[in-house]
All heavy atoms as atom14 arrays in JSON, in Angstrom:
{
  "sequence": "YWYQFKVGNEVSPIGRTRTAPTPGDQINQF",
  "atom14_mask": [
    [1, 1, 1, 1, 1, 1, 1, 1, 1, 1, 1, 1, 0, 0],
    [1, 1, 1, 1, 1, 1, 1, 1, 1, 1, 1, 1, 1, 1],
    [1, 1, 1, 1, 1, 1, 1, 1, 1, 1, 1, 1, 0, 0],
    [1, 1, 1, 1, 1, 1, 1, 1, 1, 0, 0, 0, 0, 0],
    [1, 1, 1, 1, 1, 1, 1, 1, 1, 1, 1, 0, 0, 0],
    [1, 1, 1, 1, 1, 1, 1, 1, 1, 0, 0, 0, 0, 0],
    [1, 1, 1, 1, 1, 1, 1, 0, 0, 0, 0, 0, 0, 0],
    [1, 1, 1, 1, 0, 0, 0, 0, 0, 0, 0, 0, 0, 0],
    [1, 1, 1, 1, 1, 1, 1, 1, 0, 0, 0, 0, 0, 0],
    [1, 1, 1, 1, 1, 1, 1, 1, 1, 0, 0, 0, 0, 0],
    [1, 1, 1, 1, 1, 1, 1, 0, 0, 0, 0, 0, 0, 0],
    [1, 1, 1, 1, 1, 1, 0, 0, 0, 0, 0, 0, 0, 0],
    [1, 1, 1, 1, 1, 1, 1, 0, 0, 0, 0, 0, 0, 0],
    [1, 1, 1, 1, 1, 1, 1, 1, 0, 0, 0, 0, 0, 0],
    [1, 1, 1, 1, 0, 0, 0, 0, 0, 0, 0, 0, 0, 0],
    [1, 1, 1, 1, 1, 1, 1, 1, 1, 1, 1, 0, 0, 0],
    [1, 1, 1, 1, 1, 1, 1, 0, 0, 0, 0, 0, 0, 0],
    [1, 1, 1, 1, 1, 1, 1, 1, 1, 1, 1, 0, 0, 0],
    [1, 1, 1, 1, 1, 1, 1, 0, 0, 0, 0, 0, 0, 0],
    [1, 1, 1, 1, 1, 0, 0, 0, 0, 0, 0, 0, 0, 0],
    [1, 1, 1, 1, 1, 1, 1, 0, 0, 0, 0, 0, 0, 0],
    [1, 1, 1, 1, 1, 1, 1, 0, 0, 0, 0, 0, 0, 0],
    [1, 1, 1, 1, 1, 1, 1, 0, 0, 0, 0, 0, 0, 0],
    [1, 1, 1, 1, 0, 0, 0, 0, 0, 0, 0, 0, 0, 0],
    [1, 1, 1, 1, 1, 1, 1, 1, 0, 0, 0, 0, 0, 0],
    [1, 1, 1, 1, 1, 1, 1, 1, 1, 0, 0, 0, 0, 0],
    [1, 1, 1, 1, 1, 1, 1, 1, 0, 0, 0, 0, 0, 0],
    [1, 1, 1, 1, 1, 1, 1, 1, 0, 0, 0, 0, 0, 0],
    [1, 1, 1, 1, 1, 1, 1, 1, 1, 0, 0, 0, 0, 0],
    [1, 1, 1, 1, 1, 1, 1, 1, 1, 1, 1, 0, 0, 0]
  ],
  "atom14_positions": [
    [[0.01, -22.17, -1.26], [-0.66, -23.41, -1.68], [-0.11, -24.56, -0.86], [0.99, -24.48, -0.28], [-0.42, -23.69, -3.17], [-1.09, -22.73, -4.11], [-0.4, -21.63, -4.63], [-2.41, -22.91, -4.49], [-1.01, -20.74, -5.5], [-3.04, -22.03, -5.36], [-2.34, -20.95, -5.86], [-2.95, -20.07, -6.72], [0.0, 0.0, 0.0], [0.0, 0.0, 0.0]],
    [[-0.88, -25.65, -0.82], [-0.47, -26.88, -0.16], [-0.53, -28.02, -1.16], [-1.38, -28.01, -2.08], [-1.37, -27.15, 1.04], [-1.14, -26.21, 2.17], [-0.42, -26.43, 3.31], [-1.62, -24.85, 2.29], [-0.4, -25.33, 4.12], [-1.14, -24.33, 3.53], [-2.4, -24.03, 1.48], [-1.41, -23.04, 3.95], [-2.68, -22.74, 1.91], [-2.19, -22.25, 3.12]],
    [[0.34, -29.02, -1.0], [0.44, -30.08, -2.0], [0.74, -31.41, -1.32], [1.23, -31.46, -0.18], [1.52, -29.75, -3.04], [2.91, -29.61, -2.44], [3.8, -30.68, -2.41], [3.34, -28.39, -1.9], [5.07, -30.55, -1.87], [4.61, -28.25, -1.35], [5.46, -29.33, -1.34], [6.71, -29.21, -0.79], [0.0, 0.0, 0.0], [0.0, 0.0, 0.0]],
    [[0.46, -32.49, -2.06], [0.65, -33.84, -1.53], [0.78, -34.82, -2.69], [0.23, -34.59, -3.78], [-0.53, -34.21, -0.63], [-0.33, -35.48, 0.19], [-1.46, -35.69, 1.19], [-2.6, -35.34, 0.91], [-1.15, -36.24, 2.36], [0.0, 0.0, 0.0], [0.0, 0.0, 0.0], [0.0, 0.0, 0.0], [0.0, 0.0, 0.0], [0.0, 0.0, 0.0]],
    [[1.48, -35.93, -2.43], [1.64, -36.99, -3.42], [0.99, -38.27, -2.9], [0.85, -38.48, -1.69], [3.13, -37.27, -3.68], [3.88, -36.11, -4.26], [4.55, -35.21, -3.44], [3.93, -35.91, -5.63], [5.26, -34.14, -3.96], [4.63, -34.84, -6.17], [5.29, -33.96, -5.34], [0.0, 0.0, 0.0], [0.0, 0.0, 0.0], [0.0, 0.0, 0.0]],
    [[0.65, -39.14, -3.84], [0.12, -40.46, -3.5], [0.65, -41.47, -4.5], [0.68, -41.21, -5.7], [-1.41, -40.47, -3.51], [-2.01, -41.82, -3.13], [-3.53, -41.8, -3.15], [-4.1, -43.15, -2.76], [-5.58, -43.17, -2.83], [0.0, 0.0, 0.0], [0.0, 0.0, 0.0], [0.0, 0.0, 0.0], [0.0, 0.0, 0.0], [0.0, 0.0, 0.0]],
    [[1.06, -42.63, -4.0], [1.48, -43.73, -4.87], [0.94, -45.01, -4.27], [1.13, -45.29, -3.09], [3.01, -43.76, -5.03], [3.71, -43.92, -3.7], [3.43, -44.85, -6.0], [0.0, 0.0, 0.0], [0.0, 0.0, 0.0], [0.0, 0.0, 0.0], [0.0, 0.0, 0.0], [0.0, 0.0, 0.0], [0.0, 0.0, 0.0], [0.0, 0.0, 0.0]],
    [[0.21, -45.77, -5.07], [-0.46, -46.95, -4.52], [-1.41, -46.54, -3.41], [-2.23, -45.63, -3.58], [0.0, 0.0, 0.0], [0.0, 0.0, 0.0], [0.0, 0.0, 0.0], [0.0, 0.0, 0.0], [0.0, 0.0, 0.0], [0.0, 0.0, 0.0], [0.0, 0.0, 0.0], [0.0, 0.0, 0.0], [0.0, 0.0, 0.0], [0.0, 0.0, 0.0]],
    [[-1.24, -47.14, -2.25], [-2.06, -46.78, -1.08], [-1.32, -45.86, -0.1], [-1.82, -45.6, 0.99], [-2.49, -48.06, -0.34], [-3.41, -48.92, -1.19], [-4.29, -48.4, -1.88], [-3.2, -50.23, -1.15], [0.0, 0.0, 0.0], [0.0, 0.0, 0.0], [0.0, 0.0, 0.0], [0.0, 0.0, 0.0], [0.0, 0.0, 0.0], [0.0, 0.0, 0.0]],
    [[-0.17, -45.37, -0.51], [0.65, -44.54, 0.38], [0.53, -43.07, 0.0], [0.52, -42.71, -1.17], [2.11, -44.97, 0.29], [2.36, -46.44, 0.6], [2.31, -46.73, 2.09], [2.09, -45.79, 2.89], [2.52, -47.91, 2.46], [0.0, 0.0, 0.0], [0.0, 0.0, 0.0], [0.0, 0.0, 0.0], [0.0, 0.0, 0.0], [0.0, 0.0, 0.0]],
    [[0.45, -42.21, 1.02], [0.38, -40.77, 0.79], [1.57, -40.09, 1.46], [2.05, -40.53, 2.51], [-0.94, -40.16, 1.29], [-2.11, -40.69, 0.49], [-1.12, -40.41, 2.77], [0.0, 0.0, 0.0], [0.0, 0.0, 0.0], [0.0, 0.0, 0.0], [0.0, 0.0, 0.0], [0.0, 0.0, 0.0], [0.0, 0.0, 0.0], [0.0, 0.0, 0.0]],
    [[2.02, -39.02, 0.87], [3.17, -38.27, 1.39], [2.72, -37.31, 2.47], [1.53, -37.03, 2.63], [3.82, -37.49, 0.25], [3.02, -36.36, -0.1], [0.0, 0.0, 0.0], [0.0, 0.0, 0.0], [0.0, 0.0, 0.0], [0.0, 0.0, 0.0], [0.0, 0.0, 0.0], [0.0, 0.0, 0.0], [0.0, 0.0, 0.0], [0.0, 0.0, 0.0]],
    [[3.66, -36.73, 3.2], [3.33, -35.57, 4.03], [2.81, -34.43, 3.15], [3.06, -34.4, 1.94], [4.67, -35.21, 4.69], [5.53, -36.41, 4.54], [5.09, -37.09, 3.29], [0.0, 0.0, 0.0], [0.0, 0.0, 0.0], [0.0, 0.0, 0.0], [0.0, 0.0, 0.0], [0.0, 0.0, 0.0], [0.0, 0.0, 0.0], [0.0, 0.0, 0.0]],
    [[2.12, -33.49, 3.77], [1.64, -32.3, 3.06], [2.72, -31.23, 3.12], [3.29, -30.96, 4.18], [0.34, -31.79, 3.68], [-0.78, -32.81, 3.49], [-0.07, -30.44, 3.06], [-2.07, -32.45, 4.22], [0.0, 0.0, 0.0], [0.0, 0.0, 0.0], [0.0, 0.0, 0.0], [0.0, 0.0, 0.0], [0.0, 0.0, 0.0], [0.0, 0.0, 0.0]],
    [[3.02, -30.64, 1.97], [3.95, -29.54, 1.92], [3.24, -28.23, 1.62], [2.11, -28.22, 1.13], [0.0, 0.0, 0.0], [0.0, 0.0, 0.0], [0.0, 0.0, 0.0], [0.0, 0.0, 0.0], [0.0, 0.0, 0.0], [0.0, 0.0, 0.0], [0.0, 0.0, 0.0], [0.0, 0.0, 0.0], [0.0, 0.0, 0.0], [0.0, 0.0, 0.0]],
    [[3.91, -27.13, 1.94], [3.37, -25.81, 1.67], [4.31, -25.07, 0.72], [5.53, -25.18, 0.82], [3.23, -25.02, 2.97], [2.53, -23.67, 2.81], [2.47, -22.91, 4.12], [3.79, -22.45, 4.57], [3.97, -21.44, 5.41], [2.93, -20.79, 5.92], [5.19, -21.09, 5.78], [0.0, 0.0, 0.0], [0.0, 0.0, 0.0], [0.0, 0.0, 0.0]],
    [[3.75, -24.31, -0.2], [4.57, -23.54, -1.12], [3.93, -22.2, -1.4], [2.79, -21.94, -0.98], [4.81, -24.33, -2.42], [5.84, -23.68, -3.19], [3.53, -24.44, -3.25], [0.0, 0.0, 0.0], [0.0, 0.0, 0.0], [0.0, 0.0, 0.0], [0.0, 0.0, 0.0], [0.0, 0.0, 0.0], [0.0, 0.0, 0.0], [0.0, 0.0, 0.0]],
    [[4.64, -21.35, -2.12], [4.13, -20.01, -2.42], [4.62, -19.58, -3.8], [5.8, -19.78, -4.14], [4.6, -19.0, -1.38], [4.03, -17.6, -1.56], [4.41, -16.69, -0.4], [3.97, -15.31, -0.6], [2.74, -14.86, -0.34], [1.82, -15.71, 0.13], [2.42, -13.59, -0.54], [0.0, 0.0, 0.0], [0.0, 0.0, 0.0], [0.0, 0.0, 0.0]],
    [[3.75, -19.01, -4.58], [4.12, -18.49, -5.88], [4.74, -17.11, -5.74], [4.56, -16.42, -4.73], [2.9, -18.4, -6.81], [1.84, -17.71, -6.12], [2.42, -19.79, -7.23], [0.0, 0.0, 0.0], [0.0, 0.0, 0.0], [0.0, 0.0, 0.0], [0.0, 0.0, 0.0], [0.0, 0.0, 0.0], [0.0, 0.0, 0.0], [0.0, 0.0, 0.0]],
    [[5.46, -16.7, -6.77], [6.08, -15.38, -6.78], [5.05, -14.32, -7.19], [4.1, -14.62, -7.92], [7.24, -15.36, -7.77], [0.0, 0.0, 0.0], [0.0, 0.0, 0.0], [0.0, 0.0, 0.0], [0.0, 0.0, 0.0], [0.0, 0.0, 0.0], [0.0, 0.0, 0.0], [0.0, 0.0, 0.0], [0.0, 0.0, 0.0], [0.0, 0.0, 0.0]],
    [[5.23, -13.09, -6.76], [4.41, -12.0, -7.29], [4.74, -11.78, -8.78], [5.82, -12.14, -9.25], [4.83, -10.79, -6.46], [5.62, -11.33, -5.31], [6.19, -12.62, -5.75], [0.0, 0.0, 0.0], [0.0, 0.0, 0.0], [0.0, 0.0, 0.0], [0.0, 0.0, 0.0], [0.0, 0.0, 0.0], [0.0, 0.0, 0.0], [0.0, 0.0, 0.0]],
    [[3.85, -11.19, -9.5], [4.08, -10.88, -10.91], [5.17, -9.81, -11.03], [5.15, -8.83, -10.28], [2.78, -10.37, -11.56], [1.78, -11.38, -11.43], [3.0, -10.03, -13.02], [0.0, 0.0, 0.0], [0.0, 0.0, 0.0], [0.0, 0.0, 0.0], [0.0, 0.0, 0.0], [0.0, 0.0, 0.0], [0.0, 0.0, 0.0], [0.0, 0.0, 0.0]],
    [[6.13, -9.99, -11.93], [7.16, -8.96, -12.11], [6.54, -7.59, -12.35], [5.61, -7.44, -13.15], [7.94, -9.44, -13.33], [7.77, -10.93, -13.31], [6.38, -11.16, -12.81], [0.0, 0.0, 0.0], [0.0, 0.0, 0.0], [0.0, 0.0, 0.0], [0.0, 0.0, 0.0], [0.0, 0.0, 0.0], [0.0, 0.0, 0.0], [0.0, 0.0, 0.0]],
    [[7.04, -6.6, -11.64], [6.53, -5.24, -11.77], [5.44, -4.88, -10.79], [5.19, -3.69, -10.55], [0.0, 0.0, 0.0], [0.0, 0.0, 0.0], [0.0, 0.0, 0.0], [0.0, 0.0, 0.0], [0.0, 0.0, 0.0], [0.0, 0.0, 0.0], [0.0, 0.0, 0.0], [0.0, 0.0, 0.0], [0.0, 0.0, 0.0], [0.0, 0.0, 0.0]],
    [[4.76, -5.89, -10.22], [3.72, -5.58, -9.23], [4.35, -4.98, -7.98], [5.44, -5.39, -7.54], [2.95, -6.84, -8.85], [1.89, -7.2, -9.88], [1.8, -6.5, -10.91], [1.16, -8.18, -9.65], [0.0, 0.0, 0.0], [0.0, 0.0, 0.0], [0.0, 0.0, 0.0], [0.0, 0.0, 0.0], [0.0, 0.0, 0.0], [0.0, 0.0, 0.0]],
    [[3.66, -4.02, -7.39], [4.18, -3.37, -6.19], [4.12, -4.31, -5.01], [3.07, -4.84, -4.65], [3.37, -2.11, -5.89], [3.89, -1.33, -4.7], [3.15, -0.02, -4.47], [2.46, 0.45, -5.36], [3.28, 0.53, -3.28], [0.0, 0.0, 0.0], [0.0, 0.0, 0.0], [0.0, 0.0, 0.0], [0.0, 0.0, 0.0], [0.0, 0.0, 0.0]],
    [[5.27, -4.53, -4.38], [5.4, -5.42, -3.23], [5.93, -4.62, -2.06], [6.95, -3.93, -2.18], [6.35, -6.6, -3.55], [5.89, -7.36, -4.79], [6.45, -7.53, -2.34], [4.5, -7.95, -4.67], [0.0, 0.0, 0.0], [0.0, 0.0, 0.0], [0.0, 0.0, 0.0], [0.0, 0.0, 0.0], [0.0, 0.0, 0.0], [0.0, 0.0, 0.0]],
    [[5.27, -4.69, -0.95], [5.66, -3.9, 0.22], [6.63, -4.62, 1.14], [7.32, -3.98, 1.94], [4.42, -3.48, 1.01], [3.54, -2.53, 0.23], [4.04, -1.66, -0.49], [2.23, -2.7, 0.35], [0.0, 0.0, 0.0], [0.0, 0.0, 0.0], [0.0, 0.0, 0.0], [0.0, 0.0, 0.0], [0.0, 0.0, 0.0], [0.0, 0.0, 0.0]],
    [[6.67, -5.96, 1.03], [7.55, -6.72, 1.93], [7.84, -8.09, 1.32], [6.98, -8.7, 0.68], [6.86, -6.9, 3.29], [7.72, -7.58, 4.35], [6.95, -7.76, 5.65], [5.96, -8.49, 5.71], [7.39, -7.07, 6.7], [0.0, 0.0, 0.0], [0.0, 0.0, 0.0], [0.0, 0.0, 0.0], [0.0, 0.0, 0.0], [0.0, 0.0, 0.0]],
    [[9.07, -8.54, 1.51], [9.47, -9.88, 1.06], [10.47, -10.41, 2.07], [11.43, -9.74, 2.43], [10.1, -9.81, -0.33], [10.52, -11.14, -0.89], [9.57, -12.02, -1.38], [11.85, -11.5, -0.93], [9.97, -13.25, -1.9], [12.25, -12.72, -1.44], [11.3, -13.6, -1.93], [0.0, 0.0, 0.0], [0.0, 0.0, 0.0], [0.0, 0.0, 0.0]]
  ]
}
């Protein structure tokens, strides 16, 4: 996912993030 903040007329840089897989789900690589 990507995210951003705004306050007044100012906007932040865009950041990138990632959620975790569901516990127990098969994951091939991390």
